[in-house]
Amino acid sequence: MLETVIVVLHLLAAIGVVTLVLLQQGKGADAGASFGAGASGTVFGGQGSSTFLSRVTAILAAAFFITSLGLAFFAKDKASSMGQVGLPDPAVLEVQQAEPAVGDVPVLEAAKPADKAADVPQAPEQQ
């Protein structure tokens, strides 16, 4: 139950971060930005240290990282519990193959030898 809630929050945070990053305007997006037009003499420019969208993006990014850590914790618990049950490691499993049949093995038509010379196709004559 808790893992499902964390997965849903993780997906919502990921979608929110992507959406907010795409909505934000880059620093060099204005034509006059390269010449210093519109910016005040402060350290961070005319808008202050962060806008509303960048704050919400930072909060969603932090939520994304926290839910990532939570999902990693759940994955670690699942992996350790699978190892304690006595299940073999899937990477080490060997598939047992049946012995090949010897004797009455059907032969494909193309693999059978020709009985008569008429059965063998002849190369076309060159002139």
N, C-alpha and C. Protein backbone atom coordinates (compact mmCIF):
# COMPACT_ATOMS: atom_id res chain seq x y z
N MET A 1 0.83 -1.18 0.00
CA MET A 1 0.00 0.00 0.00
C MET A 1 0.88 1.26 0.00
N LEU A 2 1.84 1.32 0.91
CA LEU A 2 2.71 2.49 1.00
C LEU A 2 3.58 2.61 -0.24
N GLU A 3 4.01 1.47 -0.75
CA GLU A 3 4.84 1.49 -1.96
C GLU A 3 4.05 2.05 -3.15
N THR A 4 2.79 1.70 -3.26
CA THR A 4 1.94 2.21 -4.34
C THR A 4 1.77 3.73 -4.23
N VAL A 5 1.59 4.23 -3.02
CA VAL A 5 1.46 5.68 -2.81
C VAL A 5 2.75 6.38 -3.23
N ILE A 6 3.90 5.80 -2.87
CA ILE A 6 5.18 6.41 -3.23
C ILE A 6 5.38 6.38 -4.74
N VAL A 7 4.97 5.31 -5.41
CA VAL A 7 5.10 5.24 -6.87
C VAL A 7 4.24 6.32 -7.53
N VAL A 8 3.02 6.50 -7.04
CA VAL A 8 2.14 7.52 -7.60
C VAL A 8 2.72 8.92 -7.38
N LEU A 9 3.21 9.19 -6.18
CA LEU A 9 3.84 10.49 -5.90
C LEU A 9 5.08 10.70 -6.76
N HIS A 10 5.83 9.64 -6.98
CA HIS A 10 7.03 9.70 -7.81
C HIS A 10 6.68 10.08 -9.25
N LEU A 11 5.66 9.44 -9.79
CA LEU A 11 5.23 9.76 -11.15
C LEU A 11 4.69 11.18 -11.27
N LEU A 12 3.91 11.61 -10.29
CA LEU A 12 3.38 12.97 -10.31
C LEU A 12 4.50 14.00 -10.21
N ALA A 13 5.49 13.73 -9.35
CA ALA A 13 6.62 14.65 -9.22
C ALA A 13 7.42 14.70 -10.52
N ALA A 14 7.62 13.56 -11.16
CA ALA A 14 8.37 13.53 -12.42
C ALA A 14 7.65 14.31 -13.52
N ILE A 15 6.36 14.09 -13.64
CA ILE A 15 5.59 14.81 -14.65
C ILE A 15 5.57 16.30 -14.34
N GLY A 16 5.43 16.66 -13.07
CA GLY A 16 5.43 18.06 -12.67
C GLY A 16 6.76 18.75 -12.95
N VAL A 17 7.87 18.07 -12.66
CA VAL A 17 9.19 18.67 -12.92
C VAL A 17 9.38 18.90 -14.42
N VAL A 18 9.04 17.91 -15.21
CA VAL A 18 9.20 18.06 -16.67
C VAL A 18 8.32 19.20 -17.19
N THR A 19 7.09 19.27 -16.72
CA THR A 19 6.17 20.32 -17.18
C THR A 19 6.68 21.71 -16.78
N LEU A 20 7.10 21.85 -15.53
CA LEU A 20 7.55 23.16 -15.07
C LEU A 20 8.86 23.59 -15.73
N VAL A 21 9.74 22.65 -16.00
CA VAL A 21 10.99 23.00 -16.68
C VAL A 21 10.68 23.47 -18.10
N LEU A 22 9.74 22.82 -18.75
CA LEU A 22 9.39 23.24 -20.11
C LEU A 22 8.65 24.58 -20.13
N LEU A 23 7.94 24.91 -19.06
CA LEU A 23 7.21 26.18 -19.01
C LEU A 23 8.11 27.37 -18.73
N GLN A 24 9.23 27.15 -18.08
CA GLN A 24 10.08 28.27 -17.68
C GLN A 24 10.81 28.86 -18.87
N GLN A 25 11.04 30.14 -18.76
CA GLN A 25 11.72 30.87 -19.83
C GLN A 25 13.21 30.90 -19.51
N GLY A 26 14.03 30.63 -20.51
CA GLY A 26 15.46 30.63 -20.31
C GLY A 26 15.98 32.03 -20.04
N LYS A 27 17.19 32.12 -19.47
CA LYS A 27 17.76 33.43 -19.15
C LYS A 27 18.08 34.23 -20.40
N GLY A 28 18.45 33.60 -21.49
CA GLY A 28 18.80 34.31 -22.70
C GLY A 28 17.66 34.36 -23.69
N ALA A 29 16.42 34.20 -23.24
CA ALA A 29 15.30 34.14 -24.16
C ALA A 29 14.93 35.50 -24.74
N ASP A 30 15.14 36.56 -23.99
CA ASP A 30 14.81 37.89 -24.50
C ASP A 30 15.88 38.38 -25.47
N ALA A 31 15.47 39.13 -26.46
CA ALA A 31 16.42 39.65 -27.44
C ALA A 31 17.36 40.66 -26.80
N GLY A 32 16.86 41.43 -25.85
CA GLY A 32 17.68 42.44 -25.21
C GLY A 32 18.48 41.93 -24.03
N ALA A 33 18.31 40.65 -23.68
CA ALA A 33 18.99 40.12 -22.50
C ALA A 33 20.50 40.09 -22.69
N SER A 34 20.94 39.91 -23.90
CA SER A 34 22.39 39.85 -24.13
C SER A 34 23.04 41.22 -24.00
N PHE A 35 22.25 42.29 -24.14
CA PHE A 35 22.79 43.65 -24.02
C PHE A 35 22.51 44.26 -22.66
N GLY A 36 21.90 43.49 -21.76
CA GLY A 36 21.63 43.99 -20.42
C GLY A 36 20.37 44.81 -20.30
N ALA A 37 19.51 44.77 -21.26
CA ALA A 37 18.29 45.56 -21.23
C ALA A 37 17.30 44.96 -20.24
N GLY A 38 16.75 45.80 -19.40
CA GLY A 38 15.71 45.36 -18.49
C GLY A 38 16.21 44.78 -17.20
N ALA A 39 17.49 44.54 -17.03
CA ALA A 39 17.99 43.96 -15.80
C ALA A 39 18.46 45.08 -14.88
N SER A 40 18.18 44.90 -13.61
CA SER A 40 18.64 45.91 -12.67
C SER A 40 20.08 45.62 -12.26
N GLY A 41 20.63 46.44 -11.43
CA GLY A 41 22.02 46.28 -11.04
C GLY A 41 22.23 45.31 -9.90
N THR A 42 21.22 44.51 -9.55
CA THR A 42 21.38 43.57 -8.44
C THR A 42 22.12 42.33 -8.91
N VAL A 43 22.52 41.52 -7.94
CA VAL A 43 23.30 40.32 -8.26
C VAL A 43 22.49 39.31 -9.06
N PHE A 44 21.22 39.13 -8.71
CA PHE A 44 20.40 38.10 -9.35
C PHE A 44 19.53 38.64 -10.46
N GLY A 45 19.66 39.89 -10.83
CA GLY A 45 18.83 40.45 -11.88
C GLY A 45 17.58 41.09 -11.32
N GLY A 46 16.69 41.47 -12.20
CA GLY A 46 15.49 42.19 -11.79
C GLY A 46 14.43 41.34 -11.13
N GLN A 47 14.48 40.04 -11.27
CA GLN A 47 13.41 39.17 -10.75
C GLN A 47 13.70 38.66 -9.36
N GLY A 48 14.83 38.93 -8.80
CA GLY A 48 15.14 38.39 -7.49
C GLY A 48 15.83 37.04 -7.63
N SER A 49 16.03 36.35 -6.49
CA SER A 49 16.80 35.11 -6.54
C SER A 49 16.04 33.96 -7.17
N SER A 50 14.73 33.95 -7.05
CA SER A 50 13.99 32.87 -7.70
C SER A 50 12.54 33.30 -7.91
N THR A 51 11.96 32.80 -8.94
CA THR A 51 10.55 33.09 -9.23
C THR A 51 9.69 31.99 -8.67
N PHE A 52 8.40 32.18 -8.79
CA PHE A 52 7.46 31.17 -8.28
C PHE A 52 7.66 29.82 -8.97
N LEU A 53 7.81 29.84 -10.29
CA LEU A 53 7.96 28.57 -11.02
C LEU A 53 9.24 27.84 -10.63
N SER A 54 10.31 28.57 -10.43
CA SER A 54 11.56 27.89 -10.08
C SER A 54 11.50 27.33 -8.67
N ARG A 55 10.78 28.00 -7.76
CA ARG A 55 10.62 27.47 -6.40
C ARG A 55 9.79 26.18 -6.42
N VAL A 56 8.70 26.21 -7.18
CA VAL A 56 7.86 25.00 -7.26
C VAL A 56 8.63 23.87 -7.93
N THR A 57 9.44 24.20 -8.93
CA THR A 57 10.26 23.18 -9.60
C THR A 57 11.26 22.58 -8.62
N ALA A 58 11.87 23.40 -7.79
CA ALA A 58 12.83 22.90 -6.80
C ALA A 58 12.14 22.00 -5.78
N ILE A 59 10.95 22.37 -5.36
CA ILE A 59 10.21 21.55 -4.40
C ILE A 59 9.84 20.21 -5.02
N LEU A 60 9.37 20.23 -6.27
CA LEU A 60 9.02 18.97 -6.94
C LEU A 60 10.25 18.11 -7.21
N ALA A 61 11.38 18.74 -7.52
CA ALA A 61 12.62 17.98 -7.72
C ALA A 61 13.05 17.31 -6.42
N ALA A 62 12.92 18.02 -5.30
CA ALA A 62 13.25 17.43 -4.00
C ALA A 62 12.31 16.26 -3.69
N ALA A 63 11.02 16.43 -4.00
CA ALA A 63 10.07 15.33 -3.80
C ALA A 63 10.41 14.14 -4.68
N PHE A 64 10.86 14.41 -5.89
CA PHE A 64 11.26 13.33 -6.80
C PHE A 64 12.44 12.54 -6.23
N PHE A 65 13.44 13.25 -5.71
CA PHE A 65 14.60 12.57 -5.13
C PHE A 65 14.22 11.78 -3.88
N ILE A 66 13.35 12.33 -3.05
CA ILE A 66 12.94 11.63 -1.84
C ILE A 66 12.16 10.37 -2.18
N THR A 67 11.24 10.47 -3.15
CA THR A 67 10.49 9.27 -3.55
C THR A 67 11.40 8.26 -4.23
N SER A 68 12.44 8.73 -4.93
CA SER A 68 13.41 7.80 -5.53
C SER A 68 14.12 7.01 -4.45
N LEU A 69 14.52 7.70 -3.38
CA LEU A 69 15.17 7.00 -2.27
C LEU A 69 14.21 6.01 -1.61
N GLY A 70 12.95 6.41 -1.47
CA GLY A 70 11.96 5.49 -0.88
C GLY A 70 11.76 4.24 -1.74
N LEU A 71 11.69 4.42 -3.05
CA LEU A 71 11.53 3.27 -3.94
C LEU A 71 12.77 2.38 -3.93
N ALA A 72 13.95 2.98 -3.81
CA ALA A 72 15.17 2.19 -3.71
C ALA A 72 15.18 1.37 -2.42
N PHE A 73 14.68 1.95 -1.35
CA PHE A 73 14.59 1.23 -0.08
C PHE A 73 13.67 0.03 -0.20
N PHE A 74 12.50 0.22 -0.83
CA PHE A 74 11.58 -0.89 -1.02
C PHE A 74 12.19 -1.98 -1.92
N ALA A 75 12.90 -1.57 -2.96
CA ALA A 75 13.52 -2.54 -3.86
C ALA A 75 14.59 -3.34 -3.13
N LYS A 76 15.35 -2.68 -2.25
CA LYS A 76 16.38 -3.38 -1.47
C LYS A 76 15.74 -4.40 -0.53
N ASP A 77 14.64 -4.01 0.11
CA ASP A 77 13.95 -4.94 1.00
C ASP A 77 13.41 -6.14 0.24
N LYS A 78 12.85 -5.89 -0.95
CA LYS A 78 12.33 -7.02 -1.75
C LYS A 78 13.44 -7.96 -2.18
N ALA A 79 14.57 -7.40 -2.59
CA ALA A 79 15.69 -8.22 -3.05
C ALA A 79 16.26 -9.05 -1.91
N SER A 80 16.37 -8.46 -0.72
CA SER A 80 16.92 -9.22 0.41
C SER A 80 15.94 -10.28 0.88
N SER A 81 14.63 -10.00 0.80
CA SER A 81 13.65 -11.01 1.21
C SER A 81 13.60 -12.16 0.20
N MET A 82 13.84 -11.89 -1.07
CA MET A 82 13.87 -12.98 -2.06
C MET A 82 15.08 -13.87 -1.83
N GLY A 83 16.19 -13.30 -1.40
CA GLY A 83 17.38 -14.09 -1.15
C GLY A 83 17.23 -14.96 0.08
N GLN A 84 16.44 -14.53 1.07
CA GLN A 84 16.26 -15.30 2.29
C GLN A 84 15.28 -16.45 2.12
N VAL A 85 14.42 -16.38 1.14
CA VAL A 85 13.42 -17.44 0.94
C VAL A 85 14.07 -18.72 0.44
N GLY A 86 15.22 -18.61 -0.17
CA GLY A 86 15.89 -19.78 -0.69
C GLY A 86 15.74 -19.93 -2.18
N LEU A 87 15.20 -18.91 -2.82
CA LEU A 87 15.08 -18.96 -4.27
C LEU A 87 16.46 -18.79 -4.89
N PRO A 88 16.74 -19.52 -5.92
CA PRO A 88 18.05 -19.36 -6.56
C PRO A 88 18.16 -18.02 -7.27
N ASP A 89 19.36 -17.58 -7.44
CA ASP A 89 19.61 -16.33 -8.15
C ASP A 89 19.26 -16.53 -9.62
N PRO A 90 18.39 -15.69 -10.20
CA PRO A 90 17.98 -15.90 -11.59
C PRO A 90 19.14 -15.81 -12.58
N ALA A 91 20.19 -15.10 -12.22
CA ALA A 91 21.32 -14.96 -13.13
C ALA A 91 22.15 -16.24 -13.19
N VAL A 92 21.97 -17.13 -12.21
CA VAL A 92 22.80 -18.33 -12.16
C VAL A 92 22.01 -19.57 -12.58
N LEU A 93 20.72 -19.43 -12.84
CA LEU A 93 19.91 -20.59 -13.21
C LEU A 93 20.40 -21.21 -14.51
N GLU A 94 20.38 -22.51 -14.55
CA GLU A 94 20.73 -23.23 -15.77
C GLU A 94 19.48 -23.94 -16.27
N VAL A 95 19.29 -23.90 -17.55
CA VAL A 95 18.14 -24.57 -18.16
C VAL A 95 18.58 -25.96 -18.60
N GLN A 96 17.87 -26.96 -18.11
CA GLN A 96 18.18 -28.33 -18.48
C GLN A 96 17.60 -28.61 -19.86
N GLN A 97 18.44 -29.07 -20.77
CA GLN A 97 17.97 -29.38 -22.11
C GLN A 97 17.86 -30.88 -22.28
N ALA A 98 16.84 -31.28 -23.03
CA ALA A 98 16.62 -32.70 -23.27
C ALA A 98 17.71 -33.24 -24.20
N GLU A 99 17.99 -34.52 -24.06
CA GLU A 99 18.98 -35.16 -24.93
C GLU A 99 18.44 -35.19 -26.36
N PRO A 100 19.29 -34.96 -27.35
CA PRO A 100 18.80 -35.03 -28.73
C PRO A 100 18.44 -36.47 -29.11
N ALA A 101 17.38 -36.60 -29.87
CA ALA A 101 16.93 -37.92 -30.29
C ALA A 101 17.89 -38.50 -31.32
N VAL A 102 18.21 -39.75 -31.16
CA VAL A 102 19.10 -40.43 -32.10
C VAL A 102 18.29 -41.54 -32.76
N GLY A 103 18.44 -41.70 -34.04
CA GLY A 103 17.73 -42.79 -34.72
C GLY A 103 16.76 -42.25 -35.73
N ASP A 104 15.49 -42.30 -35.42
CA ASP A 104 14.43 -41.92 -36.36
C ASP A 104 14.24 -40.40 -36.36
N VAL A 105 15.23 -39.68 -36.80
CA VAL A 105 15.14 -38.23 -36.90
C VAL A 105 14.63 -37.91 -38.30
N PRO A 106 13.55 -37.15 -38.42
CA PRO A 106 13.06 -36.82 -39.76
C PRO A 106 14.05 -35.91 -40.49
N VAL A 107 14.19 -36.16 -41.78
CA VAL A 107 15.10 -35.39 -42.61
C VAL A 107 14.28 -34.50 -43.51
N LEU A 108 14.69 -33.27 -43.64
CA LEU A 108 13.97 -32.36 -44.51
C LEU A 108 14.10 -32.82 -45.96
N GLU A 109 13.11 -32.46 -46.77
CA GLU A 109 13.12 -32.84 -48.17
C GLU A 109 14.36 -32.30 -48.88
N ALA A 110 14.74 -31.09 -48.58
CA ALA A 110 15.88 -30.49 -49.27
C ALA A 110 17.19 -31.15 -48.87
N ALA A 111 17.21 -31.81 -47.73
CA ALA A 111 18.45 -32.41 -47.25
C ALA A 111 18.62 -33.85 -47.73
N LYS A 112 17.57 -34.46 -48.30
CA LYS A 112 17.68 -35.83 -48.78
C LYS A 112 18.55 -35.88 -50.03
N PRO A 113 19.35 -36.92 -50.17
CA PRO A 113 20.14 -37.04 -51.40
C PRO A 113 19.24 -37.37 -52.59
N ALA A 114 19.67 -36.94 -53.76
CA ALA A 114 18.90 -37.20 -54.98
C ALA A 114 19.01 -38.67 -55.34
N ASP A 115 17.85 -39.29 -55.66
CA ASP A 115 17.83 -40.70 -56.03
C ASP A 115 18.24 -40.89 -57.49
N LYS A 116 17.79 -40.00 -58.33
CA LYS A 116 18.07 -40.13 -59.76
C LYS A 116 18.72 -38.86 -60.26
N ALA A 117 19.38 -38.98 -61.40
CA ALA A 117 20.02 -37.80 -61.98
C ALA A 117 18.99 -36.79 -62.45
N ALA A 118 17.77 -37.24 -62.73
CA ALA A 118 16.72 -36.34 -63.19
C ALA A 118 16.23 -35.44 -62.06
N ASP A 119 16.46 -35.85 -60.81
CA ASP A 119 16.02 -35.06 -59.68
C ASP A 119 16.92 -33.84 -59.43
N VAL A 120 18.13 -33.87 -60.00
CA VAL A 120 19.07 -32.78 -59.77
C VAL A 120 18.86 -31.71 -60.83
N PRO A 121 18.63 -30.48 -60.44
CA PRO A 121 18.43 -29.42 -61.44
C PRO A 121 19.75 -29.14 -62.17
N GLN A 122 19.61 -28.89 -63.46
CA GLN A 122 20.78 -28.63 -64.30
C GLN A 122 20.97 -27.13 -64.46
N ALA A 123 22.22 -26.74 -64.57
CA ALA A 123 22.52 -25.32 -64.81
C ALA A 123 22.13 -24.97 -66.23
N PRO A 124 21.63 -23.76 -66.45
CA PRO A 124 21.25 -23.39 -67.80
C PRO A 124 22.50 -23.30 -68.70
N GLU A 125 22.31 -23.71 -69.95
CA GLU A 125 23.44 -23.70 -70.89
C GLU A 125 23.76 -22.28 -71.31
N GLN A 126 25.04 -21.97 -71.34
CA GLN A 126 25.47 -20.64 -71.76
C GLN A 126 25.90 -20.71 -73.21
N GLN A 127 25.62 -19.67 -73.95
CA GLN A 127 25.95 -19.69 -75.38
C GLN A 127 27.15 -18.86 -75.68
